[in-house]
PDB file of all heavy atoms in Angstrom:
ATOM      1  N   PRO A   1     214.470  60.140 -48.275  1.00  0.00           N
ATOM      2  CA  PRO A   1     213.081  60.478 -47.981  1.00  0.00           C
ATOM      3  C   PRO A   1     212.076  60.030 -49.046  1.00  0.00           C
ATOM      4  O   PRO A   1     210.956  60.531 -49.087  1.00  0.00           O
ATOM      5  CB  PRO A   1     213.134  62.005 -47.921  1.00  0.00           C
ATOM      6  CG  PRO A   1     214.154  62.372 -48.958  1.00  0.00           C
ATOM      7  CD  PRO A   1     215.180  61.276 -48.897  1.00  0.00           C
ATOM      8  N   PHE A   2     212.455  59.117 -49.923  1.00  0.00           N
ATOM      9  CA  PHE A   2     211.524  58.586 -50.920  1.00  0.00           C
ATOM     10  C   PHE A   2     210.670  57.460 -50.324  1.00  0.00           C
ATOM     11  O   PHE A   2     209.536  57.245 -50.742  1.00  0.00           O
ATOM     12  CB  PHE A   2     212.291  58.067 -52.129  1.00  0.00           C
ATOM     13  CG  PHE A   2     213.247  59.070 -52.702  1.00  0.00           C
ATOM     14  CD1 PHE A   2     214.569  59.098 -52.302  1.00  0.00           C
ATOM     15  CD2 PHE A   2     212.816  60.009 -53.615  1.00  0.00           C
ATOM     16  CE1 PHE A   2     215.458  60.028 -52.818  1.00  0.00           C
ATOM     17  CE2 PHE A   2     213.683  60.952 -54.140  1.00  0.00           C
ATOM     18  CZ  PHE A   2     215.016  60.962 -53.730  1.00  0.00           C
ATOM     19  N   GLN A   3     211.233  56.730 -49.377  1.00  0.00           N
ATOM     20  CA  GLN A   3     210.562  55.653 -48.670  1.00  0.00           C
ATOM     21  C   GLN A   3     210.063  56.160 -47.324  1.00  0.00           C
ATOM     22  O   GLN A   3     210.827  56.771 -46.570  1.00  0.00           O
ATOM     23  CB  GLN A   3     211.534  54.488 -48.452  1.00  0.00           C
ATOM     24  CG  GLN A   3     211.196  53.525 -47.334  1.00  0.00           C
ATOM     25  CD  GLN A   3     210.005  52.624 -47.645  1.00  0.00           C
ATOM     26  OE1 GLN A   3     209.518  52.586 -48.762  1.00  0.00           O
ATOM     27  NE2 GLN A   3     209.551  51.893 -46.658  1.00  0.00           N
ATOM     28  N   PRO A   4     208.773  55.972 -46.968  1.00  0.00           N
ATOM     29  CA  PRO A   4     208.307  56.377 -45.639  1.00  0.00           C
ATOM     30  C   PRO A   4     209.155  55.739 -44.551  1.00  0.00           C
ATOM     31  O   PRO A   4     209.456  54.542 -44.595  1.00  0.00           O
ATOM     32  CB  PRO A   4     206.870  55.847 -45.601  1.00  0.00           C
ATOM     33  CG  PRO A   4     206.462  55.720 -47.031  1.00  0.00           C
ATOM     34  CD  PRO A   4     207.711  55.352 -47.781  1.00  0.00           C
ATOM     35  N   PHE A   5     209.552  56.540 -43.567  1.00  0.00           N
ATOM     36  CA  PHE A   5     210.417  56.061 -42.482  1.00  0.00           C
ATOM     37  C   PHE A   5     209.822  56.549 -41.168  1.00  0.00           C
ATOM     38  O   PHE A   5     209.862  57.730 -40.852  1.00  0.00           O
ATOM     39  CB  PHE A   5     211.844  56.593 -42.670  1.00  0.00           C
ATOM     40  CG  PHE A   5     212.868  55.929 -41.802  1.00  0.00           C
ATOM     41  CD1 PHE A   5     213.722  54.963 -42.327  1.00  0.00           C
ATOM     42  CD2 PHE A   5     212.990  56.249 -40.461  1.00  0.00           C
ATOM     43  CE1 PHE A   5     214.678  54.334 -41.526  1.00  0.00           C
ATOM     44  CE2 PHE A   5     213.923  55.625 -39.652  1.00  0.00           C
ATOM     45  CZ  PHE A   5     214.775  54.671 -40.194  1.00  0.00           C
ATOM     46  N   ASN A   6     209.246  55.624 -40.408  1.00  0.00           N
ATOM     47  CA  ASN A   6     208.528  56.009 -39.201  1.00  0.00           C
ATOM     48  C   ASN A   6     208.321  54.782 -38.322  1.00  0.00           C
ATOM     49  O   ASN A   6     207.853  53.745 -38.795  1.00  0.00           O
ATOM     50  CB  ASN A   6     207.169  56.626 -39.597  1.00  0.00           C
ATOM     51  CG  ASN A   6     206.324  57.048 -38.427  1.00  0.00           C
ATOM     52  OD1 ASN A   6     206.061  56.276 -37.514  1.00  0.00           O
ATOM     53  ND2 ASN A   6     205.865  58.286 -38.454  1.00  0.00           N
ATOM     54  N   ARG A   7     208.684  54.888 -37.066  1.00  0.00           N
ATOM     55  CA  ARG A   7     208.346  53.872 -36.055  1.00  0.00           C
ATOM     56  C   ARG A   7     207.501  54.557 -34.988  1.00  0.00           C
ATOM     57  O   ARG A   7     207.908  55.584 -34.436  1.00  0.00           O
ATOM     58  CB  ARG A   7     209.613  53.263 -35.426  1.00  0.00           C
ATOM     59  CG  ARG A   7     210.404  52.374 -36.359  1.00  0.00           C
ATOM     60  CD  ARG A   7     211.576  51.695 -35.627  1.00  0.00           C
ATOM     61  NE  ARG A   7     212.499  52.684 -35.097  1.00  0.00           N
ATOM     62  CZ  ARG A   7     213.546  53.182 -35.772  1.00  0.00           C
ATOM     63  NH1 ARG A   7     213.785  52.785 -37.016  1.00  0.00           N
ATOM     64  NH2 ARG A   7     214.344  54.072 -35.219  1.00  0.00           N
ATOM     65  N   SER A   8     206.340  53.974 -34.679  1.00  0.00           N
ATOM     66  CA  SER A   8     205.394  54.628 -33.785  1.00  0.00           C
ATOM     67  C   SER A   8     204.622  53.611 -32.964  1.00  0.00           C
ATOM     68  O   SER A   8     204.448  52.458 -33.375  1.00  0.00           O
ATOM     69  CB  SER A   8     204.392  55.465 -34.596  1.00  0.00           C
ATOM     70  OG  SER A   8     205.019  56.535 -35.257  1.00  0.00           O
ATOM     71  N   PRO A   9     204.097  54.022 -31.794  1.00  0.00           N
ATOM     72  CA  PRO A   9     203.174  53.166 -31.032  1.00  0.00           C
ATOM     73  C   PRO A   9     201.893  52.956 -31.819  1.00  0.00           C
ATOM     74  O   PRO A   9     201.393  53.880 -32.460  1.00  0.00           O
ATOM     75  CB  PRO A   9     202.917  53.978 -29.763  1.00  0.00           C
ATOM     76  CG  PRO A   9     204.040  54.956 -29.678  1.00  0.00           C
ATOM     77  CD  PRO A   9     204.419  55.266 -31.084  1.00  0.00           C
ATOM     78  N   GLN A  10     201.354  51.747 -31.758  1.00  0.00           N
ATOM     79  CA  GLN A  10     200.185  51.430 -32.576  1.00  0.00           C
ATOM     80  C   GLN A  10     199.460  50.197 -32.064  1.00  0.00           C
ATOM     81  O   GLN A  10     200.014  49.390 -31.312  1.00  0.00           O
ATOM     82  CB  GLN A  10     200.603  51.191 -34.024  1.00  0.00           C
ATOM     83  CG  GLN A  10     201.606  50.064 -34.196  1.00  0.00           C
ATOM     84  CD  GLN A  10     202.250  50.083 -35.564  1.00  0.00           C
ATOM     85  OE1 GLN A  10     201.760  49.436 -36.491  1.00  0.00           O
ATOM     86  NE2 GLN A  10     203.363  50.809 -35.700  1.00  0.00           N
ATOM     87  N   VAL A  11     198.231  50.073 -32.504  1.00  0.00           N
ATOM     88  CA  VAL A  11     197.457  48.840 -32.363  1.00  0.00           C
ATOM     89  C   VAL A  11     197.135  48.398 -33.782  1.00  0.00           C
ATOM     90  O   VAL A  11     196.467  49.135 -34.524  1.00  0.00           O
ATOM     91  CB  VAL A  11     196.172  49.065 -31.554  1.00  0.00           C
ATOM     92  CG1 VAL A  11     195.355  47.773 -31.502  1.00  0.00           C
ATOM     93  CG2 VAL A  11     196.503  49.548 -30.145  1.00  0.00           C
ATOM     94  N   ARG A  12     197.612  47.219 -34.168  1.00  0.00           N
ATOM     95  CA  ARG A  12     197.495  46.779 -35.559  1.00  0.00           C
ATOM     96  C   ARG A  12     196.998  45.340 -35.625  1.00  0.00           C
ATOM     97  O   ARG A  12     197.515  44.463 -34.929  1.00  0.00           O
ATOM     98  CB  ARG A  12     198.856  46.881 -36.250  1.00  0.00           C
ATOM     99  CG  ARG A  12     198.809  46.544 -37.731  1.00  0.00           C
ATOM    100  CD  ARG A  12     200.123  46.916 -38.388  1.00  0.00           C
ATOM    101  NE  ARG A  12     201.195  45.994 -38.087  1.00  0.00           N
ATOM    102  CZ  ARG A  12     202.483  46.272 -38.263  1.00  0.00           C
ATOM    103  NH1 ARG A  12     202.847  47.468 -38.690  1.00  0.00           N
ATOM    104  NH2 ARG A  12     203.398  45.380 -38.004  1.00  0.00           N
ATOM    105  N   TYR A  13     195.987  45.133 -36.459  1.00  0.00           N
ATOM    106  CA  TYR A  13     195.454  43.783 -36.647  1.00  0.00           C
ATOM    107  C   TYR A  13     195.597  43.387 -38.112  1.00  0.00           C
ATOM    108  O   TYR A  13     195.217  44.147 -39.011  1.00  0.00           O
ATOM    109  CB  TYR A  13     193.984  43.699 -36.236  1.00  0.00           C
ATOM    110  CG  TYR A  13     193.452  42.283 -36.317  1.00  0.00           C
ATOM    111  CD1 TYR A  13     193.815  41.325 -35.374  1.00  0.00           C
ATOM    112  CD2 TYR A  13     192.608  41.890 -37.356  1.00  0.00           C
ATOM    113  CE1 TYR A  13     193.354  40.018 -35.445  1.00  0.00           C
ATOM    114  CE2 TYR A  13     192.130  40.590 -37.433  1.00  0.00           C
ATOM    115  CZ  TYR A  13     192.515  39.656 -36.482  1.00  0.00           C
ATOM    116  OH  TYR A  13     192.074  38.371 -36.566  1.00  0.00           O
ATOM    117  N   THR A  14     196.128  42.198 -38.341  1.00  0.00           N
ATOM    118  CA  THR A  14     196.295  41.661 -39.690  1.00  0.00           C
ATOM    119  C   THR A  14     195.484  40.386 -39.808  1.00  0.00           C
ATOM    120  O   THR A  14     195.651  39.456 -39.006  1.00  0.00           O
ATOM    121  CB  THR A  14     197.779  41.383 -39.996  1.00  0.00           C
ATOM    122  OG1 THR A  14     198.516  42.601 -39.886  1.00  0.00           O
ATOM    123  CG2 THR A  14     197.939  40.836 -41.408  1.00  0.00           C
ATOM    124  N   LEU A  15     194.616  40.338 -40.799  1.00  0.00           N
ATOM    125  CA  LEU A  15     193.735  39.197 -41.022  1.00  0.00           C
ATOM    126  C   LEU A  15     194.109  38.511 -42.331  1.00  0.00           C
ATOM    127  O   LEU A  15     194.383  39.175 -43.338  1.00  0.00           O
ATOM    128  CB  LEU A  15     192.279  39.672 -41.090  1.00  0.00           C
ATOM    129  CG  LEU A  15     191.219  38.633 -41.467  1.00  0.00           C
ATOM    130  CD1 LEU A  15     191.068  37.595 -40.359  1.00  0.00           C
ATOM    131  CD2 LEU A  15     189.881  39.320 -41.765  1.00  0.00           C
ATOM    132  N   GLN A  16     194.118  37.173 -42.311  1.00  0.00           N
ATOM    133  CA  GLN A  16     194.351  36.390 -43.524  1.00  0.00           C
ATOM    134  C   GLN A  16     193.065  35.642 -43.865  1.00  0.00           C
ATOM    135  O   GLN A  16     192.847  34.510 -43.436  1.00  0.00           O
ATOM    136  CB  GLN A  16     195.510  35.412 -43.334  1.00  0.00           C
ATOM    137  CG  GLN A  16     195.874  34.662 -44.598  1.00  0.00           C
ATOM    138  CD  GLN A  16     197.050  33.708 -44.398  1.00  0.00           C
ATOM    139  OE1 GLN A  16     197.526  33.499 -43.286  1.00  0.00           O
ATOM    140  NE2 GLN A  16     197.504  33.117 -45.491  1.00  0.00           N
ATOM    141  N   PRO A  17     192.187  36.269 -44.678  1.00  0.00           N
ATOM    142  CA  PRO A  17     190.906  35.620 -44.978  1.00  0.00           C
ATOM    143  C   PRO A  17     191.049  34.416 -45.892  1.00  0.00           C
ATOM    144  O   PRO A  17     190.278  33.455 -45.787  1.00  0.00           O
ATOM    145  CB  PRO A  17     190.099  36.737 -45.650  1.00  0.00           C
ATOM    146  CG  PRO A  17     191.132  37.640 -46.233  1.00  0.00           C
ATOM    147  CD  PRO A  17     192.311  37.580 -45.317  1.00  0.00           C
ATOM    148  N   VAL A  18     192.002  34.476 -46.835  1.00  0.00           N
ATOM    149  CA  VAL A  18     192.281  33.365 -47.742  1.00  0.00           C
ATOM    150  C   VAL A  18     193.786  33.266 -47.913  1.00  0.00           C
ATOM    151  O   VAL A  18     194.542  34.159 -47.505  1.00  0.00           O
ATOM    152  CB  VAL A  18     191.598  33.557 -49.128  1.00  0.00           C
ATOM    153  CG1 VAL A  18     190.094  33.540 -48.999  1.00  0.00           C
ATOM    154  CG2 VAL A  18     192.063  34.855 -49.779  1.00  0.00           C
ATOM    155  N   LYS A  19     194.239  32.195 -48.535  1.00  0.00           N
ATOM    156  CA  LYS A  19     195.663  31.979 -48.724  1.00  0.00           C
ATOM    157  C   LYS A  19     196.293  33.131 -49.500  1.00  0.00           C
ATOM    158  O   LYS A  19     195.765  33.573 -50.517  1.00  0.00           O
ATOM    159  CB  LYS A  19     195.901  30.660 -49.464  1.00  0.00           C
ATOM    160  CG  LYS A  19     197.366  30.303 -49.629  1.00  0.00           C
ATOM    161  CD  LYS A  19     197.531  28.977 -50.351  1.00  0.00           C
ATOM    162  CE  LYS A  19     199.005  28.634 -50.521  1.00  0.00           C
ATOM    163  NZ  LYS A  19     199.186  27.349 -51.259  1.00  0.00           N
ATOM    164  N   ASN A  20     197.424  33.640 -48.985  1.00  0.00           N
ATOM    165  CA  ASN A  20     198.261  34.661 -49.624  1.00  0.00           C
ATOM    166  C   ASN A  20     197.686  36.076 -49.588  1.00  0.00           C
ATOM    167  O   ASN A  20     198.326  37.014 -50.071  1.00  0.00           O
ATOM    168  CB  ASN A  20     198.578  34.306 -51.083  1.00  0.00           C
ATOM    169  CG  ASN A  20     199.351  33.009 -51.221  1.00  0.00           C
ATOM    170  OD1 ASN A  20     200.115  32.634 -50.332  1.00  0.00           O
ATOM    171  ND2 ASN A  20     199.141  32.315 -52.325  1.00  0.00           N
ATOM    172  N   ILE A  21     196.491  36.251 -49.039  1.00  0.00           N
ATOM    173  CA  ILE A  21     195.893  37.584 -48.958  1.00  0.00           C
ATOM    174  C   ILE A  21     195.864  38.038 -47.499  1.00  0.00           C
ATOM    175  O   ILE A  21     195.400  37.305 -46.628  1.00  0.00           O
ATOM    176  CB  ILE A  21     194.461  37.607 -49.533  1.00  0.00           C
ATOM    177  CG1 ILE A  21     194.486  37.231 -51.009  1.00  0.00           C
ATOM    178  CG2 ILE A  21     193.836  38.985 -49.345  1.00  0.00           C
ATOM    179  CD1 ILE A  21     195.217  38.209 -51.896  1.00  0.00           C
ATOM    180  N   PHE A  22     196.345  39.281 -47.257  1.00  0.00           N
ATOM    181  CA  PHE A  22     196.410  39.821 -45.906  1.00  0.00           C
ATOM    182  C   PHE A  22     195.756  41.209 -45.880  1.00  0.00           C
ATOM    183  O   PHE A  22     196.064  42.059 -46.718  1.00  0.00           O
ATOM    184  CB  PHE A  22     197.855  39.921 -45.428  1.00  0.00           C
ATOM    185  CG  PHE A  22     198.563  38.601 -45.363  1.00  0.00           C
ATOM    186  CD1 PHE A  22     199.214  38.094 -46.479  1.00  0.00           C
ATOM    187  CD2 PHE A  22     198.568  37.859 -44.192  1.00  0.00           C
ATOM    188  CE1 PHE A  22     199.861  36.873 -46.431  1.00  0.00           C
ATOM    189  CE2 PHE A  22     199.214  36.637 -44.132  1.00  0.00           C
ATOM    190  CZ  PHE A  22     199.862  36.133 -45.255  1.00  0.00           C
ATOM    191  N   LEU A  23     194.848  41.411 -44.915  1.00  0.00           N
ATOM    192  CA  LEU A  23     194.191  42.693 -44.703  1.00  0.00           C
ATOM    193  C   LEU A  23     194.688  43.285 -43.385  1.00  0.00           C
ATOM    194  O   LEU A  23     194.702  42.583 -42.360  1.00  0.00           O
ATOM    195  CB  LEU A  23     192.670  42.525 -44.653  1.00  0.00           C
ATOM    196  CG  LEU A  23     192.020  41.822 -45.857  1.00  0.00           C
ATOM    197  CD1 LEU A  23     190.523  41.659 -45.615  1.00  0.00           C
ATOM    198  CD2 LEU A  23     192.281  42.605 -47.150  1.00  0.00           C
ATOM    199  N   THR A  24     195.082  44.552 -43.401  1.00  0.00           N
ATOM    200  CA  THR A  24     195.652  45.182 -42.214  1.00  0.00           C
ATOM    201  C   THR A  24     194.914  46.465 -41.885  1.00  0.00           C
ATOM    202  O   THR A  24     194.653  47.293 -42.767  1.00  0.00           O
ATOM    203  CB  THR A  24     197.144  45.501 -42.420  1.00  0.00           C
ATOM    204  OG1 THR A  24     197.868  44.291 -42.632  1.00  0.00           O
ATOM    205  CG2 THR A  24     197.724  46.206 -41.200  1.00  0.00           C
ATOM    206  N   GLY A  25     194.580  46.620 -40.619  1.00  0.00           N
ATOM    207  CA  GLY A  25     194.023  47.862 -40.107  1.00  0.00           C
ATOM    208  C   GLY A  25     194.791  48.288 -38.874  1.00  0.00           C
ATOM    209  O   GLY A  25     195.189  47.443 -38.058  1.00  0.00           O
ATOM    210  N   ALA A  26     195.047  49.587 -38.719  1.00  0.00           N
ATOM    211  CA  ALA A  26     195.861  50.040 -37.597  1.00  0.00           C
ATOM    212  C   ALA A  26     195.443  51.423 -37.143  1.00  0.00           C
ATOM    213  O   ALA A  26     194.972  52.253 -37.933  1.00  0.00           O
ATOM    214  CB  ALA A  26     197.345  50.042 -37.986  1.00  0.00           C
ATOM    215  N   ALA A  27     195.623  51.662 -35.845  1.00  0.00           N
ATOM    216  CA  ALA A  27     195.534  52.993 -35.249  1.00  0.00           C
ATOM    217  C   ALA A  27     196.915  53.321 -34.698  1.00  0.00           C
ATOM    218  O   ALA A  27     197.469  52.546 -33.907  1.00  0.00           O
ATOM    219  CB  ALA A  27     194.485  53.021 -34.137  1.00  0.00           C
ATOM    220  N   VAL A  28     197.477  54.455 -35.117  1.00  0.00           N
ATOM    221  CA  VAL A  28     198.875  54.780 -34.843  1.00  0.00           C
ATOM    222  C   VAL A  28     198.961  56.138 -34.160  1.00  0.00           C
ATOM    223  O   VAL A  28     198.239  57.074 -34.504  1.00  0.00           O
ATOM    224  CB  VAL A  28     199.698  54.806 -36.155  1.00  0.00           C
ATOM    225  CG1 VAL A  28     201.181  54.969 -35.859  1.00  0.00           C
ATOM    226  CG2 VAL A  28     199.451  53.539 -36.972  1.00  0.00           C
ATOM    227  N   TRP A  29     199.886  56.245 -33.192  1.00  0.00           N
ATOM    228  CA  TRP A  29     200.138  57.498 -32.481  1.00  0.00           C
ATOM    229  C   TRP A  29     201.583  57.930 -32.708  1.00  0.00           C
ATOM    230  O   TRP A  29     202.489  57.104 -32.721  1.00  0.00           O
ATOM    231  CB  TRP A  29     199.874  57.328 -30.988  1.00  0.00           C
ATOM    232  CG  TRP A  29     198.427  57.224 -30.653  1.00  0.00           C
ATOM    233  CD1 TRP A  29     197.610  58.218 -30.218  1.00  0.00           C
ATOM    234  CD2 TRP A  29     197.605  56.045 -30.729  1.00  0.00           C
ATOM    235  NE1 TRP A  29     196.333  57.750 -30.021  1.00  0.00           N
ATOM    236  CE2 TRP A  29     196.303  56.412 -30.316  1.00  0.00           C
ATOM    237  CE3 TRP A  29     197.851  54.719 -31.088  1.00  0.00           C
ATOM    238  CZ2 TRP A  29     195.258  55.510 -30.277  1.00  0.00           C
ATOM    239  CZ3 TRP A  29     196.805  53.812 -31.046  1.00  0.00           C
ATOM    240  CH2 TRP A  29     195.523  54.213 -30.639  1.00  0.00           C
ATOM    241  N   GLN A  30     201.797  59.228 -32.863  1.00  0.00           N
ATOM    242  CA  GLN A  30     203.144  59.730 -33.130  1.00  0.00           C
ATOM    243  C   GLN A  30     204.002  59.718 -31.872  1.00  0.00           C
ATOM    244  O   GLN A  30     203.513  59.880 -30.761  1.00  0.00           O
ATOM    245  CB  GLN A  30     203.079  61.153 -33.693  1.00  0.00           C
ATOM    246  CG  GLN A  30     202.431  61.234 -35.058  1.00  0.00           C
ATOM    247  CD  GLN A  30     202.415  62.651 -35.607  1.00  0.00           C
ATOM    248  OE1 GLN A  30     202.905  63.586 -34.977  1.00  0.00           O
ATOM    249  NE2 GLN A  30     201.852  62.817 -36.793  1.00  0.00           N
ATOM    250  N   MET A  31     205.324  59.534 -32.078  1.00  0.00           N
ATOM    251  CA  MET A  31     206.269  59.642 -30.969  1.00  0.00           C
ATOM    252  C   MET A  31     207.578  60.222 -31.476  1.00  0.00           C
ATOM    253  O   MET A  31     207.751  61.422 -31.568  1.00  0.00           O
ATOM    254  CB  MET A  31     206.492  58.308 -30.260  1.00  0.00           C
ATOM    255  CG  MET A  31     207.165  58.490 -28.894  1.00  0.00           C
ATOM    256  SD  MET A  31     207.489  56.958 -27.994  1.00  0.00           S
ATOM    257  CE  MET A  31     208.954  56.369 -28.827  1.00  0.00           C
ATOM    258  N   GLN A  32     208.534  59.366 -31.906  1.00  0.00           N
ATOM    259  CA  GLN A  32     209.856  59.853 -32.283  1.00  0.00           C
ATOM    260  C   GLN A  32     209.856  60.629 -33.591  1.00  0.00           C
ATOM    261  O   GLN A  32     210.617  61.573 -33.763  1.00  0.00           O
ATOM    262  CB  GLN A  32     210.831  58.672 -32.370  1.00  0.00           C
ATOM    263  CG  GLN A  32     211.122  58.049 -31.006  1.00  0.00           C
ATOM    264  CD  GLN A  32     211.849  56.720 -31.130  1.00  0.00           C
ATOM    265  OE1 GLN A  32     211.668  55.995 -32.096  1.00  0.00           O
ATOM    266  NE2 GLN A  32     212.671  56.400 -30.144  1.00  0.00           N
ATOM    267  N   THR A  33     209.048  60.220 -34.539  1.00  0.00           N
ATOM    268  CA  THR A  33     208.894  60.967 -35.785  1.00  0.00           C
ATOM    269  C   THR A  33     207.493  61.557 -35.797  1.00  0.00           C
ATOM    270  O   THR A  33     206.504  60.829 -35.763  1.00  0.00           O
ATOM    271  CB  THR A  33     209.114  60.056 -37.006  1.00  0.00           C
ATOM    272  OG1 THR A  33     208.379  58.841 -36.845  1.00  0.00           O
ATOM    273  CG2 THR A  33     210.582  59.717 -37.163  1.00  0.00           C
ATOM    274  N   SER A  34     207.420  62.894 -35.845  1.00  0.00           N
ATOM    275  CA  SER A  34     206.146  63.565 -35.627  1.00  0.00           C
ATOM    276  C   SER A  34     205.945  64.681 -36.646  1.00  0.00           C
ATOM    277  O   SER A  34     206.828  65.014 -37.440  1.00  0.00           O
ATOM    278  CB  SER A  34     206.098  64.136 -34.209  1.00  0.00           C
ATOM    279  OG  SER A  34     207.180  65.028 -33.998  1.00  0.00           O
ATOM    280  N   SER A  35     204.770  65.284 -36.605  1.00  0.00           N
ATOM    281  CA  SER A  35     204.441  66.403 -37.479  1.00  0.00           C
ATOM    282  C   SER A  35     205.136  67.679 -37.011  1.00  0.00           C
ATOM    283  O   SER A  35     205.491  67.824 -35.836  1.00  0.00           O
ATOM    284  CB  SER A  35     202.925  66.623 -37.509  1.00  0.00           C
ATOM    285  OG  SER A  35     202.255  65.497 -38.046  1.00  0.00           O
ATOM    286  N   ASN A  36     205.304  68.610 -37.960  1.00  0.00           N
ATOM    287  CA  ASN A  36     205.883  69.911 -37.640  1.00  0.00           C
ATOM    288  C   ASN A  36     204.752  70.917 -37.438  1.00  0.00           C
ATOM    289  O   ASN A  36     203.631  70.714 -37.900  1.00  0.00           O
ATOM    290  CB  ASN A  36     206.803  70.357 -38.777  1.00  0.00           C
ATOM    291  CG  ASN A  36     207.718  71.502 -38.372  1.00  0.00           C
ATOM    292  OD1 ASN A  36     207.721  71.921 -37.217  1.00  0.00           O
ATOM    293  ND2 ASN A  36     208.485  72.010 -39.306  1.00  0.00           N
ATOM    294  N   GLY A  37     205.061  72.031 -36.747  1.00  0.00           N
ATOM    295  CA  GLY A  37     204.048  73.035 -36.493  1.00  0.00           C
ATOM    296  C   GLY A  37     204.627  74.276 -35.857  1.00  0.00           C
ATOM    297  O   GLY A  37     205.840  74.486 -35.862  1.00  0.00           O
ATOM    298  N   PRO A  38     203.768  75.123 -35.291  1.00  0.00           N
ATOM    299  CA  PRO A  38     204.212  76.404 -34.731  1.00  0.00           C
ATOM    300  C   PRO A  38     205.286  76.287 -33.652  1.00  0.00           C
ATOM    301  O   PRO A  38     206.061  77.235 -33.464  1.00  0.00           O
ATOM    302  CB  PRO A  38     202.919  76.996 -34.152  1.00  0.00           C
ATOM    303  CG  PRO A  38     201.829  76.379 -34.970  1.00  0.00           C
ATOM    304  CD  PRO A  38     202.299  74.992 -35.279  1.00  0.00           C
ATOM    305  N   VAL A  39     205.360  75.176 -32.940  1.00  0.00           N
ATOM    306  CA  VAL A  39     206.395  75.018 -31.909  1.00  0.00           C
ATOM    307  C   VAL A  39     207.394  73.937 -32.292  1.00  0.00           C
ATOM    308  O   VAL A  39     208.063  73.373 -31.431  1.00  0.00           O
ATOM    309  CB  VAL A  39     205.764  74.724 -30.526  1.00  0.00           C
ATOM    310  CG1 VAL A  39     204.936  75.895 -30.049  1.00  0.00           C
ATOM    311  CG2 VAL A  39     204.937  73.445 -30.561  1.00  0.00           C
ATOM    312  N   GLY A  40     207.503  73.638 -33.578  1.00  0.00           N
ATOM    313  CA  GLY A  40     208.485  72.659 -34.041  1.00  0.00           C
ATOM    314  C   GLY A  40     207.890  71.273 -34.173  1.00  0.00           C
ATOM    315  O   GLY A  40     206.675  71.072 -34.135  1.00  0.00           O
ATOM    316  N   PHE A  41     208.779  70.280 -34.302  1.00  0.00           N
ATOM    317  CA  PHE A  41     208.334  68.893 -34.418  1.00  0.00           C
ATOM    318  C   PHE A  41     207.955  68.364 -33.045  1.00  0.00           C
ATOM    319  O   PHE A  41     208.774  68.351 -32.118  1.00  0.00           O
ATOM    320  CB  PHE A  41     209.454  68.025 -35.012  1.00  0.00           C
ATOM    321  CG  PHE A  41     209.647  68.216 -36.485  1.00  0.00           C
ATOM    322  CD1 PHE A  41     210.599  69.111 -36.967  1.00  0.00           C
ATOM    323  CD2 PHE A  41     208.878  67.513 -37.401  1.00  0.00           C
ATOM    324  CE1 PHE A  41     210.781  69.293 -38.321  1.00  0.00           C
ATOM    325  CE2 PHE A  41     209.050  67.690 -38.767  1.00  0.00           C
ATOM    326  CZ  PHE A  41     210.006  68.586 -39.230  1.00  0.00           C
ATOM    327  N   THR A  42     206.719  67.901 -32.918  1.00  0.00           N
ATOM    328  CA  THR A  42     206.243  67.358 -31.648  1.00  0.00           C
ATOM    329  C   THR A  42     205.006  66.501 -31.893  1.00  0.00           C
ATOM    330  O   THR A  42     204.200  66.806 -32.787  1.00  0.00           O
ATOM    331  CB  THR A  42     205.902  68.482 -30.645  1.00  0.00           C
ATOM    332  OG1 THR A  42     205.249  67.919 -29.492  1.00  0.00           O
ATOM    333  CG2 THR A  42     204.995  69.516 -31.269  1.00  0.00           C
ATOM    334  N   PRO A  43     204.796  65.441 -31.087  1.00  0.00           N
ATOM    335  CA  PRO A  43     203.568  64.633 -31.211  1.00  0.00           C
ATOM    336  C   PRO A  43     202.321  65.355 -30.720  1.00  0.00           C
ATOM    337  O   PRO A  43     201.214  64.844 -30.885  1.00  0.00           O
ATOM    338  CB  PRO A  43     203.861  63.403 -30.339  1.00  0.00           C
ATOM    339  CG  PRO A  43     205.341  63.426 -30.082  1.00  0.00           C
ATOM    340  CD  PRO A  43     205.749  64.860 -30.144  1.00  0.00           C
ATOM    341  N   ALA A  44     202.486  66.552 -30.120  1.00  0.00           N
ATOM    342  CA  ALA A  44     201.356  67.232 -29.482  1.00  0.00           C
ATOM    343  C   ALA A  44     200.244  67.573 -30.469  1.00  0.00           C
ATOM    344  O   ALA A  44     199.072  67.588 -30.099  1.00  0.00           O
ATOM    345  CB  ALA A  44     201.843  68.501 -28.787  1.00  0.00           C
TER     346      ALA A  44
END
């Protein structure tokens, strides 16, 4: 658990404005790995 481990549905855009530089923006939704709460682990 030292390394983030998560696969999720997302929309992600990666831009390369100049050589070797990459900018990434994403909107991510939970699915298989989700937050915990009053009713357990769920994406709800």
